[in-house]
Amino acid sequence: GLQSSLTHAEEKIAQLDAQIARKQE
């Protein structure tokens, strides 16, 4: 269960990082 939650948290962080990178271009 913790691994599943970790995967989702890491996916959200990756989405945010991509969103931030797009805005800075």
PDBML (XML) file of the C-alpha atoms, coordinates in Angstrom:
<?xml version="1.0" encoding="UTF-8" ?>
<PDBx:datablock datablockName="MODEL"
   xmlns:PDBx="http://pdbml.pdb.org/schema/pdbx-v50.xsd"
   xmlns:xsi="http://www.w3.org/2001/XMLSchema-instance"
   xsi:schemaLocation="http://pdbml.pdb.org/schema/pdbx-v50.xsd pdbx-v50.xsd">
   <PDBx:atom_siteCategory>
      <PDBx:atom_site id="1">
         <PDBx:B_iso_or_equiv>0.00</PDBx:B_iso_or_equiv>
         <PDBx:Cartn_x>0.000</PDBx:Cartn_x>
         <PDBx:Cartn_y>0.000</PDBx:Cartn_y>
         <PDBx:Cartn_z>0.000</PDBx:Cartn_z>
         <PDBx:auth_asym_id>A</PDBx:auth_asym_id>
         <PDBx:auth_atom_id>CA</PDBx:auth_atom_id>
         <PDBx:auth_comp_id>GLY</PDBx:auth_comp_id>
         <PDBx:auth_seq_id>1</PDBx:auth_seq_id>
         <PDBx:group_PDB>ATOM</PDBx:group_PDB>
         <PDBx:label_alt_id xsi:nil="true" />
         <PDBx:label_asym_id>A</PDBx:label_asym_id>
         <PDBx:label_atom_id>CA</PDBx:label_atom_id>
         <PDBx:label_comp_id>GLY</PDBx:label_comp_id>
         <PDBx:label_entity_id>1</PDBx:label_entity_id>
         <PDBx:label_seq_id>1</PDBx:label_seq_id>
         <PDBx:occupancy>1.00</PDBx:occupancy>
         <PDBx:pdbx_PDB_model_num>1</PDBx:pdbx_PDB_model_num>
         <PDBx:type_symbol>C</PDBx:type_symbol>
      </PDBx:atom_site>
      <PDBx:atom_site id="2">
         <PDBx:B_iso_or_equiv>0.00</PDBx:B_iso_or_equiv>
         <PDBx:Cartn_x>2.827</PDBx:Cartn_x>
         <PDBx:Cartn_y>2.390</PDBx:Cartn_y>
         <PDBx:Cartn_z>0.806</PDBx:Cartn_z>
         <PDBx:auth_asym_id>A</PDBx:auth_asym_id>
         <PDBx:auth_atom_id>CA</PDBx:auth_atom_id>
         <PDBx:auth_comp_id>LEU</PDBx:auth_comp_id>
         <PDBx:auth_seq_id>2</PDBx:auth_seq_id>
         <PDBx:group_PDB>ATOM</PDBx:group_PDB>
         <PDBx:label_alt_id xsi:nil="true" />
         <PDBx:label_asym_id>A</PDBx:label_asym_id>
         <PDBx:label_atom_id>CA</PDBx:label_atom_id>
         <PDBx:label_comp_id>LEU</PDBx:label_comp_id>
         <PDBx:label_entity_id>1</PDBx:label_entity_id>
         <PDBx:label_seq_id>2</PDBx:label_seq_id>
         <PDBx:occupancy>1.00</PDBx:occupancy>
         <PDBx:pdbx_PDB_model_num>1</PDBx:pdbx_PDB_model_num>
         <PDBx:type_symbol>C</PDBx:type_symbol>
      </PDBx:atom_site>
      <PDBx:atom_site id="3">
         <PDBx:B_iso_or_equiv>0.00</PDBx:B_iso_or_equiv>
         <PDBx:Cartn_x>4.559</PDBx:Cartn_x>
         <PDBx:Cartn_y>1.587</PDBx:Cartn_y>
         <PDBx:Cartn_z>-2.484</PDBx:Cartn_z>
         <PDBx:auth_asym_id>A</PDBx:auth_asym_id>
         <PDBx:auth_atom_id>CA</PDBx:auth_atom_id>
         <PDBx:auth_comp_id>GLN</PDBx:auth_comp_id>
         <PDBx:auth_seq_id>3</PDBx:auth_seq_id>
         <PDBx:group_PDB>ATOM</PDBx:group_PDB>
         <PDBx:label_alt_id xsi:nil="true" />
         <PDBx:label_asym_id>A</PDBx:label_asym_id>
         <PDBx:label_atom_id>CA</PDBx:label_atom_id>
         <PDBx:label_comp_id>GLN</PDBx:label_comp_id>
         <PDBx:label_entity_id>1</PDBx:label_entity_id>
         <PDBx:label_seq_id>3</PDBx:label_seq_id>
         <PDBx:occupancy>1.00</PDBx:occupancy>
         <PDBx:pdbx_PDB_model_num>1</PDBx:pdbx_PDB_model_num>
         <PDBx:type_symbol>C</PDBx:type_symbol>
      </PDBx:atom_site>
      <PDBx:atom_site id="4">
         <PDBx:B_iso_or_equiv>0.00</PDBx:B_iso_or_equiv>
         <PDBx:Cartn_x>1.346</PDBx:Cartn_x>
         <PDBx:Cartn_y>2.372</PDBx:Cartn_y>
         <PDBx:Cartn_z>-4.358</PDBx:Cartn_z>
         <PDBx:auth_asym_id>A</PDBx:auth_asym_id>
         <PDBx:auth_atom_id>CA</PDBx:auth_atom_id>
         <PDBx:auth_comp_id>SER</PDBx:auth_comp_id>
         <PDBx:auth_seq_id>4</PDBx:auth_seq_id>
         <PDBx:group_PDB>ATOM</PDBx:group_PDB>
         <PDBx:label_alt_id xsi:nil="true" />
         <PDBx:label_asym_id>A</PDBx:label_asym_id>
         <PDBx:label_atom_id>CA</PDBx:label_atom_id>
         <PDBx:label_comp_id>SER</PDBx:label_comp_id>
         <PDBx:label_entity_id>1</PDBx:label_entity_id>
         <PDBx:label_seq_id>4</PDBx:label_seq_id>
         <PDBx:occupancy>1.00</PDBx:occupancy>
         <PDBx:pdbx_PDB_model_num>1</PDBx:pdbx_PDB_model_num>
         <PDBx:type_symbol>C</PDBx:type_symbol>
      </PDBx:atom_site>
      <PDBx:atom_site id="5">
         <PDBx:B_iso_or_equiv>0.00</PDBx:B_iso_or_equiv>
         <PDBx:Cartn_x>1.001</PDBx:Cartn_x>
         <PDBx:Cartn_y>5.706</PDBx:Cartn_y>
         <PDBx:Cartn_z>-2.570</PDBx:Cartn_z>
         <PDBx:auth_asym_id>A</PDBx:auth_asym_id>
         <PDBx:auth_atom_id>CA</PDBx:auth_atom_id>
         <PDBx:auth_comp_id>SER</PDBx:auth_comp_id>
         <PDBx:auth_seq_id>5</PDBx:auth_seq_id>
         <PDBx:group_PDB>ATOM</PDBx:group_PDB>
         <PDBx:label_alt_id xsi:nil="true" />
         <PDBx:label_asym_id>A</PDBx:label_asym_id>
         <PDBx:label_atom_id>CA</PDBx:label_atom_id>
         <PDBx:label_comp_id>SER</PDBx:label_comp_id>
         <PDBx:label_entity_id>1</PDBx:label_entity_id>
         <PDBx:label_seq_id>5</PDBx:label_seq_id>
         <PDBx:occupancy>1.00</PDBx:occupancy>
         <PDBx:pdbx_PDB_model_num>1</PDBx:pdbx_PDB_model_num>
         <PDBx:type_symbol>C</PDBx:type_symbol>
      </PDBx:atom_site>
      <PDBx:atom_site id="6">
         <PDBx:B_iso_or_equiv>0.00</PDBx:B_iso_or_equiv>
         <PDBx:Cartn_x>4.661</PDBx:Cartn_x>
         <PDBx:Cartn_y>6.467</PDBx:Cartn_y>
         <PDBx:Cartn_z>-3.246</PDBx:Cartn_z>
         <PDBx:auth_asym_id>A</PDBx:auth_asym_id>
         <PDBx:auth_atom_id>CA</PDBx:auth_atom_id>
         <PDBx:auth_comp_id>LEU</PDBx:auth_comp_id>
         <PDBx:auth_seq_id>6</PDBx:auth_seq_id>
         <PDBx:group_PDB>ATOM</PDBx:group_PDB>
         <PDBx:label_alt_id xsi:nil="true" />
         <PDBx:label_asym_id>A</PDBx:label_asym_id>
         <PDBx:label_atom_id>CA</PDBx:label_atom_id>
         <PDBx:label_comp_id>LEU</PDBx:label_comp_id>
         <PDBx:label_entity_id>1</PDBx:label_entity_id>
         <PDBx:label_seq_id>6</PDBx:label_seq_id>
         <PDBx:occupancy>1.00</PDBx:occupancy>
         <PDBx:pdbx_PDB_model_num>1</PDBx:pdbx_PDB_model_num>
         <PDBx:type_symbol>C</PDBx:type_symbol>
      </PDBx:atom_site>
      <PDBx:atom_site id="7">
         <PDBx:B_iso_or_equiv>0.00</PDBx:B_iso_or_equiv>
         <PDBx:Cartn_x>4.205</PDBx:Cartn_x>
         <PDBx:Cartn_y>5.792</PDBx:Cartn_y>
         <PDBx:Cartn_z>-6.960</PDBx:Cartn_z>
         <PDBx:auth_asym_id>A</PDBx:auth_asym_id>
         <PDBx:auth_atom_id>CA</PDBx:auth_atom_id>
         <PDBx:auth_comp_id>THR</PDBx:auth_comp_id>
         <PDBx:auth_seq_id>7</PDBx:auth_seq_id>
         <PDBx:group_PDB>ATOM</PDBx:group_PDB>
         <PDBx:label_alt_id xsi:nil="true" />
         <PDBx:label_asym_id>A</PDBx:label_asym_id>
         <PDBx:label_atom_id>CA</PDBx:label_atom_id>
         <PDBx:label_comp_id>THR</PDBx:label_comp_id>
         <PDBx:label_entity_id>1</PDBx:label_entity_id>
         <PDBx:label_seq_id>7</PDBx:label_seq_id>
         <PDBx:occupancy>1.00</PDBx:occupancy>
         <PDBx:pdbx_PDB_model_num>1</PDBx:pdbx_PDB_model_num>
         <PDBx:type_symbol>C</PDBx:type_symbol>
      </PDBx:atom_site>
      <PDBx:atom_site id="8">
         <PDBx:B_iso_or_equiv>0.00</PDBx:B_iso_or_equiv>
         <PDBx:Cartn_x>1.250</PDBx:Cartn_x>
         <PDBx:Cartn_y>8.201</PDBx:Cartn_y>
         <PDBx:Cartn_z>-7.118</PDBx:Cartn_z>
         <PDBx:auth_asym_id>A</PDBx:auth_asym_id>
         <PDBx:auth_atom_id>CA</PDBx:auth_atom_id>
         <PDBx:auth_comp_id>HIS</PDBx:auth_comp_id>
         <PDBx:auth_seq_id>8</PDBx:auth_seq_id>
         <PDBx:group_PDB>ATOM</PDBx:group_PDB>
         <PDBx:label_alt_id xsi:nil="true" />
         <PDBx:label_asym_id>A</PDBx:label_asym_id>
         <PDBx:label_atom_id>CA</PDBx:label_atom_id>
         <PDBx:label_comp_id>HIS</PDBx:label_comp_id>
         <PDBx:label_entity_id>1</PDBx:label_entity_id>
         <PDBx:label_seq_id>8</PDBx:label_seq_id>
         <PDBx:occupancy>1.00</PDBx:occupancy>
         <PDBx:pdbx_PDB_model_num>1</PDBx:pdbx_PDB_model_num>
         <PDBx:type_symbol>C</PDBx:type_symbol>
      </PDBx:atom_site>
      <PDBx:atom_site id="9">
         <PDBx:B_iso_or_equiv>0.00</PDBx:B_iso_or_equiv>
         <PDBx:Cartn_x>3.136</PDBx:Cartn_x>
         <PDBx:Cartn_y>10.912</PDBx:Cartn_y>
         <PDBx:Cartn_z>-5.202</PDBx:Cartn_z>
         <PDBx:auth_asym_id>A</PDBx:auth_asym_id>
         <PDBx:auth_atom_id>CA</PDBx:auth_atom_id>
         <PDBx:auth_comp_id>ALA</PDBx:auth_comp_id>
         <PDBx:auth_seq_id>9</PDBx:auth_seq_id>
         <PDBx:group_PDB>ATOM</PDBx:group_PDB>
         <PDBx:label_alt_id xsi:nil="true" />
         <PDBx:label_asym_id>A</PDBx:label_asym_id>
         <PDBx:label_atom_id>CA</PDBx:label_atom_id>
         <PDBx:label_comp_id>ALA</PDBx:label_comp_id>
         <PDBx:label_entity_id>1</PDBx:label_entity_id>
         <PDBx:label_seq_id>9</PDBx:label_seq_id>
         <PDBx:occupancy>1.00</PDBx:occupancy>
         <PDBx:pdbx_PDB_model_num>1</PDBx:pdbx_PDB_model_num>
         <PDBx:type_symbol>C</PDBx:type_symbol>
      </PDBx:atom_site>
      <PDBx:atom_site id="10">
         <PDBx:B_iso_or_equiv>0.00</PDBx:B_iso_or_equiv>
         <PDBx:Cartn_x>6.139</PDBx:Cartn_x>
         <PDBx:Cartn_y>10.593</PDBx:Cartn_y>
         <PDBx:Cartn_z>-7.508</PDBx:Cartn_z>
         <PDBx:auth_asym_id>A</PDBx:auth_asym_id>
         <PDBx:auth_atom_id>CA</PDBx:auth_atom_id>
         <PDBx:auth_comp_id>GLU</PDBx:auth_comp_id>
         <PDBx:auth_seq_id>10</PDBx:auth_seq_id>
         <PDBx:group_PDB>ATOM</PDBx:group_PDB>
         <PDBx:label_alt_id xsi:nil="true" />
         <PDBx:label_asym_id>A</PDBx:label_asym_id>
         <PDBx:label_atom_id>CA</PDBx:label_atom_id>
         <PDBx:label_comp_id>GLU</PDBx:label_comp_id>
         <PDBx:label_entity_id>1</PDBx:label_entity_id>
         <PDBx:label_seq_id>10</PDBx:label_seq_id>
         <PDBx:occupancy>1.00</PDBx:occupancy>
         <PDBx:pdbx_PDB_model_num>1</PDBx:pdbx_PDB_model_num>
         <PDBx:type_symbol>C</PDBx:type_symbol>
      </PDBx:atom_site>
      <PDBx:atom_site id="11">
         <PDBx:B_iso_or_equiv>0.00</PDBx:B_iso_or_equiv>
         <PDBx:Cartn_x>3.864</PDBx:Cartn_x>
         <PDBx:Cartn_y>10.789</PDBx:Cartn_y>
         <PDBx:Cartn_z>-10.581</PDBx:Cartn_z>
         <PDBx:auth_asym_id>A</PDBx:auth_asym_id>
         <PDBx:auth_atom_id>CA</PDBx:auth_atom_id>
         <PDBx:auth_comp_id>GLU</PDBx:auth_comp_id>
         <PDBx:auth_seq_id>11</PDBx:auth_seq_id>
         <PDBx:group_PDB>ATOM</PDBx:group_PDB>
         <PDBx:label_alt_id xsi:nil="true" />
         <PDBx:label_asym_id>A</PDBx:label_asym_id>
         <PDBx:label_atom_id>CA</PDBx:label_atom_id>
         <PDBx:label_comp_id>GLU</PDBx:label_comp_id>
         <PDBx:label_entity_id>1</PDBx:label_entity_id>
         <PDBx:label_seq_id>11</PDBx:label_seq_id>
         <PDBx:occupancy>1.00</PDBx:occupancy>
         <PDBx:pdbx_PDB_model_num>1</PDBx:pdbx_PDB_model_num>
         <PDBx:type_symbol>C</PDBx:type_symbol>
      </PDBx:atom_site>
      <PDBx:atom_site id="12">
         <PDBx:B_iso_or_equiv>0.00</PDBx:B_iso_or_equiv>
         <PDBx:Cartn_x>2.280</PDBx:Cartn_x>
         <PDBx:Cartn_y>14.002</PDBx:Cartn_y>
         <PDBx:Cartn_z>-9.249</PDBx:Cartn_z>
         <PDBx:auth_asym_id>A</PDBx:auth_asym_id>
         <PDBx:auth_atom_id>CA</PDBx:auth_atom_id>
         <PDBx:auth_comp_id>LYS</PDBx:auth_comp_id>
         <PDBx:auth_seq_id>12</PDBx:auth_seq_id>
         <PDBx:group_PDB>ATOM</PDBx:group_PDB>
         <PDBx:label_alt_id xsi:nil="true" />
         <PDBx:label_asym_id>A</PDBx:label_asym_id>
         <PDBx:label_atom_id>CA</PDBx:label_atom_id>
         <PDBx:label_comp_id>LYS</PDBx:label_comp_id>
         <PDBx:label_entity_id>1</PDBx:label_entity_id>
         <PDBx:label_seq_id>12</PDBx:label_seq_id>
         <PDBx:occupancy>1.00</PDBx:occupancy>
         <PDBx:pdbx_PDB_model_num>1</PDBx:pdbx_PDB_model_num>
         <PDBx:type_symbol>C</PDBx:type_symbol>
      </PDBx:atom_site>
      <PDBx:atom_site id="13">
         <PDBx:B_iso_or_equiv>0.00</PDBx:B_iso_or_equiv>
         <PDBx:Cartn_x>5.701</PDBx:Cartn_x>
         <PDBx:Cartn_y>15.514</PDBx:Cartn_y>
         <PDBx:Cartn_z>-8.591</PDBx:Cartn_z>
         <PDBx:auth_asym_id>A</PDBx:auth_asym_id>
         <PDBx:auth_atom_id>CA</PDBx:auth_atom_id>
         <PDBx:auth_comp_id>ILE</PDBx:auth_comp_id>
         <PDBx:auth_seq_id>13</PDBx:auth_seq_id>
         <PDBx:group_PDB>ATOM</PDBx:group_PDB>
         <PDBx:label_alt_id xsi:nil="true" />
         <PDBx:label_asym_id>A</PDBx:label_asym_id>
         <PDBx:label_atom_id>CA</PDBx:label_atom_id>
         <PDBx:label_comp_id>ILE</PDBx:label_comp_id>
         <PDBx:label_entity_id>1</PDBx:label_entity_id>
         <PDBx:label_seq_id>13</PDBx:label_seq_id>
         <PDBx:occupancy>1.00</PDBx:occupancy>
         <PDBx:pdbx_PDB_model_num>1</PDBx:pdbx_PDB_model_num>
         <PDBx:type_symbol>C</PDBx:type_symbol>
      </PDBx:atom_site>
      <PDBx:atom_site id="14">
         <PDBx:B_iso_or_equiv>0.00</PDBx:B_iso_or_equiv>
         <PDBx:Cartn_x>6.806</PDBx:Cartn_x>
         <PDBx:Cartn_y>14.599</PDBx:Cartn_y>
         <PDBx:Cartn_z>-12.133</PDBx:Cartn_z>
         <PDBx:auth_asym_id>A</PDBx:auth_asym_id>
         <PDBx:auth_atom_id>CA</PDBx:auth_atom_id>
         <PDBx:auth_comp_id>ALA</PDBx:auth_comp_id>
         <PDBx:auth_seq_id>14</PDBx:auth_seq_id>
         <PDBx:group_PDB>ATOM</PDBx:group_PDB>
         <PDBx:label_alt_id xsi:nil="true" />
         <PDBx:label_asym_id>A</PDBx:label_asym_id>
         <PDBx:label_atom_id>CA</PDBx:label_atom_id>
         <PDBx:label_comp_id>ALA</PDBx:label_comp_id>
         <PDBx:label_entity_id>1</PDBx:label_entity_id>
         <PDBx:label_seq_id>14</PDBx:label_seq_id>
         <PDBx:occupancy>1.00</PDBx:occupancy>
         <PDBx:pdbx_PDB_model_num>1</PDBx:pdbx_PDB_model_num>
         <PDBx:type_symbol>C</PDBx:type_symbol>
      </PDBx:atom_site>
      <PDBx:atom_site id="15">
         <PDBx:B_iso_or_equiv>0.00</PDBx:B_iso_or_equiv>
         <PDBx:Cartn_x>3.630</PDBx:Cartn_x>
         <PDBx:Cartn_y>16.183</PDBx:Cartn_y>
         <PDBx:Cartn_z>-13.564</PDBx:Cartn_z>
         <PDBx:auth_asym_id>A</PDBx:auth_asym_id>
         <PDBx:auth_atom_id>CA</PDBx:auth_atom_id>
         <PDBx:auth_comp_id>GLN</PDBx:auth_comp_id>
         <PDBx:auth_seq_id>15</PDBx:auth_seq_id>
         <PDBx:group_PDB>ATOM</PDBx:group_PDB>
         <PDBx:label_alt_id xsi:nil="true" />
         <PDBx:label_asym_id>A</PDBx:label_asym_id>
         <PDBx:label_atom_id>CA</PDBx:label_atom_id>
         <PDBx:label_comp_id>GLN</PDBx:label_comp_id>
         <PDBx:label_entity_id>1</PDBx:label_entity_id>
         <PDBx:label_seq_id>15</PDBx:label_seq_id>
         <PDBx:occupancy>1.00</PDBx:occupancy>
         <PDBx:pdbx_PDB_model_num>1</PDBx:pdbx_PDB_model_num>
         <PDBx:type_symbol>C</PDBx:type_symbol>
      </PDBx:atom_site>
      <PDBx:atom_site id="16">
         <PDBx:B_iso_or_equiv>0.00</PDBx:B_iso_or_equiv>
         <PDBx:Cartn_x>4.255</PDBx:Cartn_x>
         <PDBx:Cartn_y>19.367</PDBx:Cartn_y>
         <PDBx:Cartn_z>-11.592</PDBx:Cartn_z>
         <PDBx:auth_asym_id>A</PDBx:auth_asym_id>
         <PDBx:auth_atom_id>CA</PDBx:auth_atom_id>
         <PDBx:auth_comp_id>LEU</PDBx:auth_comp_id>
         <PDBx:auth_seq_id>16</PDBx:auth_seq_id>
         <PDBx:group_PDB>ATOM</PDBx:group_PDB>
         <PDBx:label_alt_id xsi:nil="true" />
         <PDBx:label_asym_id>A</PDBx:label_asym_id>
         <PDBx:label_atom_id>CA</PDBx:label_atom_id>
         <PDBx:label_comp_id>LEU</PDBx:label_comp_id>
         <PDBx:label_entity_id>1</PDBx:label_entity_id>
         <PDBx:label_seq_id>16</PDBx:label_seq_id>
         <PDBx:occupancy>1.00</PDBx:occupancy>
         <PDBx:pdbx_PDB_model_num>1</PDBx:pdbx_PDB_model_num>
         <PDBx:type_symbol>C</PDBx:type_symbol>
      </PDBx:atom_site>
      <PDBx:atom_site id="17">
         <PDBx:B_iso_or_equiv>0.00</PDBx:B_iso_or_equiv>
         <PDBx:Cartn_x>7.895</PDBx:Cartn_x>
         <PDBx:Cartn_y>19.506</PDBx:Cartn_y>
         <PDBx:Cartn_z>-12.679</PDBx:Cartn_z>
         <PDBx:auth_asym_id>A</PDBx:auth_asym_id>
         <PDBx:auth_atom_id>CA</PDBx:auth_atom_id>
         <PDBx:auth_comp_id>ASP</PDBx:auth_comp_id>
         <PDBx:auth_seq_id>17</PDBx:auth_seq_id>
         <PDBx:group_PDB>ATOM</PDBx:group_PDB>
         <PDBx:label_alt_id xsi:nil="true" />
         <PDBx:label_asym_id>A</PDBx:label_asym_id>
         <PDBx:label_atom_id>CA</PDBx:label_atom_id>
         <PDBx:label_comp_id>ASP</PDBx:label_comp_id>
         <PDBx:label_entity_id>1</PDBx:label_entity_id>
         <PDBx:label_seq_id>17</PDBx:label_seq_id>
         <PDBx:occupancy>1.00</PDBx:occupancy>
         <PDBx:pdbx_PDB_model_num>1</PDBx:pdbx_PDB_model_num>
         <PDBx:type_symbol>C</PDBx:type_symbol>
      </PDBx:atom_site>
      <PDBx:atom_site id="18">
         <PDBx:B_iso_or_equiv>0.00</PDBx:B_iso_or_equiv>
         <PDBx:Cartn_x>6.835</PDBx:Cartn_x>
         <PDBx:Cartn_y>19.141</PDBx:Cartn_y>
         <PDBx:Cartn_z>-16.324</PDBx:Cartn_z>
         <PDBx:auth_asym_id>A</PDBx:auth_asym_id>
         <PDBx:auth_atom_id>CA</PDBx:auth_atom_id>
         <PDBx:auth_comp_id>ALA</PDBx:auth_comp_id>
         <PDBx:auth_seq_id>18</PDBx:auth_seq_id>
         <PDBx:group_PDB>ATOM</PDBx:group_PDB>
         <PDBx:label_alt_id xsi:nil="true" />
         <PDBx:label_asym_id>A</PDBx:label_asym_id>
         <PDBx:label_atom_id>CA</PDBx:label_atom_id>
         <PDBx:label_comp_id>ALA</PDBx:label_comp_id>
         <PDBx:label_entity_id>1</PDBx:label_entity_id>
         <PDBx:label_seq_id>18</PDBx:label_seq_id>
         <PDBx:occupancy>1.00</PDBx:occupancy>
         <PDBx:pdbx_PDB_model_num>1</PDBx:pdbx_PDB_model_num>
         <PDBx:type_symbol>C</PDBx:type_symbol>
      </PDBx:atom_site>
      <PDBx:atom_site id="19">
         <PDBx:B_iso_or_equiv>0.00</PDBx:B_iso_or_equiv>
         <PDBx:Cartn_x>4.157</PDBx:Cartn_x>
         <PDBx:Cartn_y>21.826</PDBx:Cartn_y>
         <PDBx:Cartn_z>-15.865</PDBx:Cartn_z>
         <PDBx:auth_asym_id>A</PDBx:auth_asym_id>
         <PDBx:auth_atom_id>CA</PDBx:auth_atom_id>
         <PDBx:auth_comp_id>GLN</PDBx:auth_comp_id>
         <PDBx:auth_seq_id>19</PDBx:auth_seq_id>
         <PDBx:group_PDB>ATOM</PDBx:group_PDB>
         <PDBx:label_alt_id xsi:nil="true" />
         <PDBx:label_asym_id>A</PDBx:label_asym_id>
         <PDBx:label_atom_id>CA</PDBx:label_atom_id>
         <PDBx:label_comp_id>GLN</PDBx:label_comp_id>
         <PDBx:label_entity_id>1</PDBx:label_entity_id>
         <PDBx:label_seq_id>19</PDBx:label_seq_id>
         <PDBx:occupancy>1.00</PDBx:occupancy>
         <PDBx:pdbx_PDB_model_num>1</PDBx:pdbx_PDB_model_num>
         <PDBx:type_symbol>C</PDBx:type_symbol>
      </PDBx:atom_site>
      <PDBx:atom_site id="20">
         <PDBx:B_iso_or_equiv>0.00</PDBx:B_iso_or_equiv>
         <PDBx:Cartn_x>6.684</PDBx:Cartn_x>
         <PDBx:Cartn_y>24.206</PDBx:Cartn_y>
         <PDBx:Cartn_z>-14.280</PDBx:Cartn_z>
         <PDBx:auth_asym_id>A</PDBx:auth_asym_id>
         <PDBx:auth_atom_id>CA</PDBx:auth_atom_id>
         <PDBx:auth_comp_id>ILE</PDBx:auth_comp_id>
         <PDBx:auth_seq_id>20</PDBx:auth_seq_id>
         <PDBx:group_PDB>ATOM</PDBx:group_PDB>
         <PDBx:label_alt_id xsi:nil="true" />
         <PDBx:label_asym_id>A</PDBx:label_asym_id>
         <PDBx:label_atom_id>CA</PDBx:label_atom_id>
         <PDBx:label_comp_id>ILE</PDBx:label_comp_id>
         <PDBx:label_entity_id>1</PDBx:label_entity_id>
         <PDBx:label_seq_id>20</PDBx:label_seq_id>
         <PDBx:occupancy>1.00</PDBx:occupancy>
         <PDBx:pdbx_PDB_model_num>1</PDBx:pdbx_PDB_model_num>
         <PDBx:type_symbol>C</PDBx:type_symbol>
      </PDBx:atom_site>
      <PDBx:atom_site id="21">
         <PDBx:B_iso_or_equiv>0.00</PDBx:B_iso_or_equiv>
         <PDBx:Cartn_x>9.203</PDBx:Cartn_x>
         <PDBx:Cartn_y>23.532</PDBx:Cartn_y>
         <PDBx:Cartn_z>-17.071</PDBx:Cartn_z>
         <PDBx:auth_asym_id>A</PDBx:auth_asym_id>
         <PDBx:auth_atom_id>CA</PDBx:auth_atom_id>
         <PDBx:auth_comp_id>ALA</PDBx:auth_comp_id>
         <PDBx:auth_seq_id>21</PDBx:auth_seq_id>
         <PDBx:group_PDB>ATOM</PDBx:group_PDB>
         <PDBx:label_alt_id xsi:nil="true" />
         <PDBx:label_asym_id>A</PDBx:label_asym_id>
         <PDBx:label_atom_id>CA</PDBx:label_atom_id>
         <PDBx:label_comp_id>ALA</PDBx:label_comp_id>
         <PDBx:label_entity_id>1</PDBx:label_entity_id>
         <PDBx:label_seq_id>21</PDBx:label_seq_id>
         <PDBx:occupancy>1.00</PDBx:occupancy>
         <PDBx:pdbx_PDB_model_num>1</PDBx:pdbx_PDB_model_num>
         <PDBx:type_symbol>C</PDBx:type_symbol>
      </PDBx:atom_site>
      <PDBx:atom_site id="22">
         <PDBx:B_iso_or_equiv>0.00</PDBx:B_iso_or_equiv>
         <PDBx:Cartn_x>6.580</PDBx:Cartn_x>
         <PDBx:Cartn_y>24.276</PDBx:Cartn_y>
         <PDBx:Cartn_z>-19.747</PDBx:Cartn_z>
         <PDBx:auth_asym_id>A</PDBx:auth_asym_id>
         <PDBx:auth_atom_id>CA</PDBx:auth_atom_id>
         <PDBx:auth_comp_id>ARG</PDBx:auth_comp_id>
         <PDBx:auth_seq_id>22</PDBx:auth_seq_id>
         <PDBx:group_PDB>ATOM</PDBx:group_PDB>
         <PDBx:label_alt_id xsi:nil="true" />
         <PDBx:label_asym_id>A</PDBx:label_asym_id>
         <PDBx:label_atom_id>CA</PDBx:label_atom_id>
         <PDBx:label_comp_id>ARG</PDBx:label_comp_id>
         <PDBx:label_entity_id>1</PDBx:label_entity_id>
         <PDBx:label_seq_id>22</PDBx:label_seq_id>
         <PDBx:occupancy>1.00</PDBx:occupancy>
         <PDBx:pdbx_PDB_model_num>1</PDBx:pdbx_PDB_model_num>
         <PDBx:type_symbol>C</PDBx:type_symbol>
      </PDBx:atom_site>
      <PDBx:atom_site id="23">
         <PDBx:B_iso_or_equiv>0.00</PDBx:B_iso_or_equiv>
         <PDBx:Cartn_x>5.701</PDBx:Cartn_x>
         <PDBx:Cartn_y>27.577</PDBx:Cartn_y>
         <PDBx:Cartn_z>-18.109</PDBx:Cartn_z>
         <PDBx:auth_asym_id>A</PDBx:auth_asym_id>
         <PDBx:auth_atom_id>CA</PDBx:auth_atom_id>
         <PDBx:auth_comp_id>LYS</PDBx:auth_comp_id>
         <PDBx:auth_seq_id>23</PDBx:auth_seq_id>
         <PDBx:group_PDB>ATOM</PDBx:group_PDB>
         <PDBx:label_alt_id xsi:nil="true" />
         <PDBx:label_asym_id>A</PDBx:label_asym_id>
         <PDBx:label_atom_id>CA</PDBx:label_atom_id>
         <PDBx:label_comp_id>LYS</PDBx:label_comp_id>
         <PDBx:label_entity_id>1</PDBx:label_entity_id>
         <PDBx:label_seq_id>23</PDBx:label_seq_id>
         <PDBx:occupancy>1.00</PDBx:occupancy>
         <PDBx:pdbx_PDB_model_num>1</PDBx:pdbx_PDB_model_num>
         <PDBx:type_symbol>C</PDBx:type_symbol>
      </PDBx:atom_site>
      <PDBx:atom_site id="24">
         <PDBx:B_iso_or_equiv>0.00</PDBx:B_iso_or_equiv>
         <PDBx:Cartn_x>9.359</PDBx:Cartn_x>
         <PDBx:Cartn_y>28.629</PDBx:Cartn_y>
         <PDBx:Cartn_z>-17.986</PDBx:Cartn_z>
         <PDBx:auth_asym_id>A</PDBx:auth_asym_id>
         <PDBx:auth_atom_id>CA</PDBx:auth_atom_id>
         <PDBx:auth_comp_id>GLN</PDBx:auth_comp_id>
         <PDBx:auth_seq_id>24</PDBx:auth_seq_id>
         <PDBx:group_PDB>ATOM</PDBx:group_PDB>
         <PDBx:label_alt_id xsi:nil="true" />
         <PDBx:label_asym_id>A</PDBx:label_asym_id>
         <PDBx:label_atom_id>CA</PDBx:label_atom_id>
         <PDBx:label_comp_id>GLN</PDBx:label_comp_id>
         <PDBx:label_entity_id>1</PDBx:label_entity_id>
         <PDBx:label_seq_id>24</PDBx:label_seq_id>
         <PDBx:occupancy>1.00</PDBx:occupancy>
         <PDBx:pdbx_PDB_model_num>1</PDBx:pdbx_PDB_model_num>
         <PDBx:type_symbol>C</PDBx:type_symbol>
      </PDBx:atom_site>
      <PDBx:atom_site id="25">
         <PDBx:B_iso_or_equiv>0.00</PDBx:B_iso_or_equiv>
         <PDBx:Cartn_x>9.935</PDBx:Cartn_x>
         <PDBx:Cartn_y>28.065</PDBx:Cartn_y>
         <PDBx:Cartn_z>-21.699</PDBx:Cartn_z>
         <PDBx:auth_asym_id>A</PDBx:auth_asym_id>
         <PDBx:auth_atom_id>CA</PDBx:auth_atom_id>
         <PDBx:auth_comp_id>GLU</PDBx:auth_comp_id>
         <PDBx:auth_seq_id>25</PDBx:auth_seq_id>
         <PDBx:group_PDB>ATOM</PDBx:group_PDB>
         <PDBx:label_alt_id xsi:nil="true" />
         <PDBx:label_asym_id>A</PDBx:label_asym_id>
         <PDBx:label_atom_id>CA</PDBx:label_atom_id>
         <PDBx:label_comp_id>GLU</PDBx:label_comp_id>
         <PDBx:label_entity_id>1</PDBx:label_entity_id>
         <PDBx:label_seq_id>25</PDBx:label_seq_id>
         <PDBx:occupancy>1.00</PDBx:occupancy>
         <PDBx:pdbx_PDB_model_num>1</PDBx:pdbx_PDB_model_num>
         <PDBx:type_symbol>C</PDBx:type_symbol>
      </PDBx:atom_site>
   </PDBx:atom_siteCategory>
</PDBx:datablock>
